[in-house]
Amino acid sequence: MSKIDALDLKILNALQHESDLGLEELGDIVGLSRNACWRRIKALEEAGIIRGRVALLDAKKLDLGLSVFIQIKAAAHDASWLEQFARATRDMNQIQGVYRMTGDLDYLIRARVADMADYDRLYQTLVTRVPMGDVSASFVMEEIKDTTALPLL
């Protein structure tokens, strides 16, 4: 795929808000035939722009009502610690995102757990798998905005 044009952006915007749109409906939204939409979607997938399609679940209805941000200061700043940390966090399904940061902390983890006891289990597992310099957590009291949509249009 050489370049993304305005029609590709319309397709991407529509799909990131409702990934299960039929080709007919998507074509009506963006002004293309279903075959043209299909070809563009395939090209976007092959280019890695569309990485996958998922269902967004309601965490609270699945008893995962506590969202937590965990701030980490690394115990070491070498490749082996980073690999151990990356492997440990990738293997823990409660962890939804891990970010290397600038500023006072080294890493920020975004996680979903059922409650404080569940968070404590996550914390205990994490610190037994990887030596930490400092760990602190902030718990979300209210989710005002939470989206996966990128600002395309």
Protein backbone atom coordinates (compact mmCIF):
# COMPACT_ATOMS: atom_id res chain seq x y z
CA MET A 1 0.00 0.00 0.00
CA SER A 2 1.58 3.24 -1.10
CA LYS A 3 -0.51 5.97 0.49
CA ILE A 4 -3.65 6.30 2.56
CA ASP A 5 -6.23 8.55 0.94
CA ALA A 6 -9.43 10.17 2.19
CA LEU A 7 -11.53 7.09 1.33
CA ASP A 8 -9.18 4.83 3.29
CA LEU A 9 -9.50 7.19 6.27
CA LYS A 10 -13.30 7.05 6.00
CA ILE A 11 -13.18 3.26 5.95
CA LEU A 12 -10.81 3.13 8.92
CA ASN A 13 -12.90 5.62 10.88
CA ALA A 14 -16.10 3.67 10.26
CA LEU A 15 -14.50 0.31 11.13
CA GLN A 16 -12.86 1.54 14.33
CA HIS A 17 -16.27 2.61 15.60
CA GLU A 18 -18.12 -0.49 14.39
CA SER A 19 -15.87 -3.25 13.09
CA ASP A 20 -18.68 -5.62 12.16
CA LEU A 21 -20.21 -3.38 9.49
CA GLY A 22 -21.22 -5.30 6.39
CA LEU A 23 -19.54 -4.35 3.14
CA GLU A 24 -22.82 -3.00 1.73
CA GLU A 25 -23.36 -0.72 4.73
CA LEU A 26 -19.71 0.35 4.78
CA GLY A 27 -19.90 1.13 1.06
CA ASP A 28 -22.97 3.31 1.67
CA ILE A 29 -21.15 5.20 4.42
CA VAL A 30 -17.97 5.89 2.42
CA GLY A 31 -19.46 6.08 -1.08
CA LEU A 32 -17.87 2.98 -2.65
CA SER A 33 -19.06 -0.36 -3.94
CA ARG A 34 -18.79 -3.37 -1.64
CA ASN A 35 -16.00 -4.82 -3.84
CA ALA A 36 -14.01 -1.59 -3.72
CA CYS A 37 -14.41 -1.52 0.09
CA TRP A 38 -13.29 -5.15 0.33
CA ARG A 39 -10.16 -4.47 -1.79
CA ARG A 40 -9.23 -1.44 0.30
CA ILE A 41 -9.77 -3.29 3.58
CA LYS A 42 -7.58 -6.18 2.37
CA ALA A 43 -4.85 -3.70 1.36
CA LEU A 44 -5.08 -1.98 4.76
CA GLU A 45 -4.80 -5.36 6.49
CA GLU A 46 -1.83 -6.44 4.35
CA ALA A 47 -0.09 -3.14 5.11
CA GLY A 48 -0.57 -3.77 8.83
CA ILE A 49 -2.70 -0.66 9.29
CA ILE A 50 -5.64 -2.83 10.35
CA ARG A 51 -4.01 -5.14 12.89
CA GLY A 52 -7.17 -7.02 13.86
CA ARG A 53 -10.82 -6.69 14.79
CA VAL A 54 -12.10 -7.16 18.31
CA ALA A 55 -15.24 -7.01 20.41
CA LEU A 56 -15.23 -4.38 23.15
CA LEU A 57 -16.48 -5.87 26.40
CA ASP A 58 -18.08 -4.22 29.43
CA ALA A 59 -15.53 -4.78 32.21
CA LYS A 60 -17.96 -4.05 35.04
CA LYS A 61 -20.48 -6.62 33.78
CA LEU A 62 -17.65 -9.16 33.75
CA ASP A 63 -16.66 -8.38 37.37
CA LEU A 64 -13.55 -6.44 36.37
CA GLY A 65 -14.75 -3.12 37.73
CA LEU A 66 -11.48 -1.73 39.10
CA SER A 67 -9.16 0.04 36.70
CA VAL A 68 -5.67 0.77 38.00
CA PHE A 69 -2.59 2.63 36.81
CA ILE A 70 0.62 1.27 38.31
CA GLN A 71 3.70 3.48 38.36
CA ILE A 72 7.02 1.62 38.29
CA LYS A 73 10.55 2.74 38.97
CA ALA A 74 12.94 0.16 37.61
CA ALA A 75 15.29 -1.73 39.92
CA ALA A 76 17.93 -1.66 37.16
CA HIS A 77 18.38 -0.01 33.79
CA ASP A 78 19.84 -2.80 31.73
CA ALA A 79 18.66 -5.04 28.92
CA SER A 80 18.20 -8.13 31.07
CA TRP A 81 15.91 -6.34 33.57
CA LEU A 82 13.89 -4.85 30.73
CA GLU A 83 13.47 -8.26 29.06
CA GLN A 84 12.41 -9.84 32.37
CA PHE A 85 9.94 -6.99 32.99
CA ALA A 86 8.54 -7.16 29.43
CA ARG A 87 8.11 -10.93 29.59
CA ALA A 88 6.41 -10.80 32.99
CA THR A 89 3.97 -8.05 32.05
CA ARG A 90 3.13 -9.65 28.68
CA ASP A 91 2.21 -12.89 30.46
CA MET A 92 -0.22 -11.28 32.93
CA ASN A 93 -3.66 -11.00 31.34
CA GLN A 94 -4.90 -8.38 33.84
CA ILE A 95 -2.33 -5.97 32.37
CA GLN A 96 -3.78 -4.17 29.37
CA GLY A 97 -0.96 -1.76 28.59
CA VAL A 98 2.66 -1.15 29.53
CA TYR A 99 4.41 2.09 28.60
CA ARG A 100 8.01 3.29 29.05
CA MET A 101 7.77 6.89 30.21
CA THR A 102 9.75 10.08 30.50
CA GLY A 103 9.90 11.99 33.77
CA ASP A 104 9.93 10.72 37.35
CA LEU A 105 8.73 7.20 36.68
CA ASP A 106 10.11 4.59 34.32
CA TYR A 107 6.99 2.58 33.38
CA LEU A 108 3.24 3.01 33.56
CA ILE A 109 1.00 -0.05 33.60
CA ARG A 110 -2.73 0.02 32.88
CA ALA A 111 -4.59 -2.95 34.37
CA ARG A 112 -8.11 -4.22 35.04
CA VAL A 113 -8.95 -6.24 38.14
CA ALA A 114 -12.06 -7.27 40.04
CA ASP A 115 -11.30 -5.50 43.34
CA MET A 116 -8.52 -4.56 45.77
CA ALA A 117 -7.82 -8.19 46.66
CA ASP A 118 -7.43 -8.98 42.96
CA TYR A 119 -5.09 -5.99 42.60
CA ASP A 120 -3.03 -7.28 45.52
CA ARG A 121 -2.65 -10.65 43.78
CA LEU A 122 -1.53 -8.87 40.63
CA TYR A 123 0.96 -6.79 42.61
CA GLN A 124 2.35 -9.82 44.47
CA THR A 125 2.76 -11.75 41.22
CA LEU A 126 4.49 -8.84 39.51
CA VAL A 127 7.00 -8.14 42.29
CA THR A 128 7.89 -11.83 42.64
CA ARG A 129 8.60 -12.08 38.90
CA VAL A 130 10.63 -8.87 38.56
CA PRO A 131 12.69 -6.91 41.10
CA MET A 132 11.24 -3.39 41.37
CA GLY A 133 12.77 -0.16 42.56
CA ASP A 134 9.44 1.40 43.54
CA VAL A 135 5.81 0.59 42.83
CA SER A 136 2.77 2.79 43.43
CA ALA A 137 -0.78 2.59 42.16
CA SER A 138 -3.64 4.95 41.39
CA PHE A 139 -7.17 3.61 41.19
CA VAL A 140 -9.74 5.01 38.81
CA MET A 141 -12.74 6.47 40.62
CA GLU A 142 -14.66 7.47 37.49
CA GLU A 143 -14.10 6.76 33.81
CA ILE A 144 -14.97 9.96 31.98
CA LYS A 145 -13.65 8.88 28.57
CA ASP A 146 -12.18 5.58 27.48
CA THR A 147 -11.87 4.88 23.77
CA THR A 148 -9.79 2.85 21.36
CA ALA A 149 -10.62 5.10 18.39
CA LEU A 150 -7.74 7.03 16.81
CA PRO A 151 -8.43 10.67 15.79
CA LEU A 152 -8.57 10.15 12.02
CA LEU A 153 -11.26 12.62 10.89
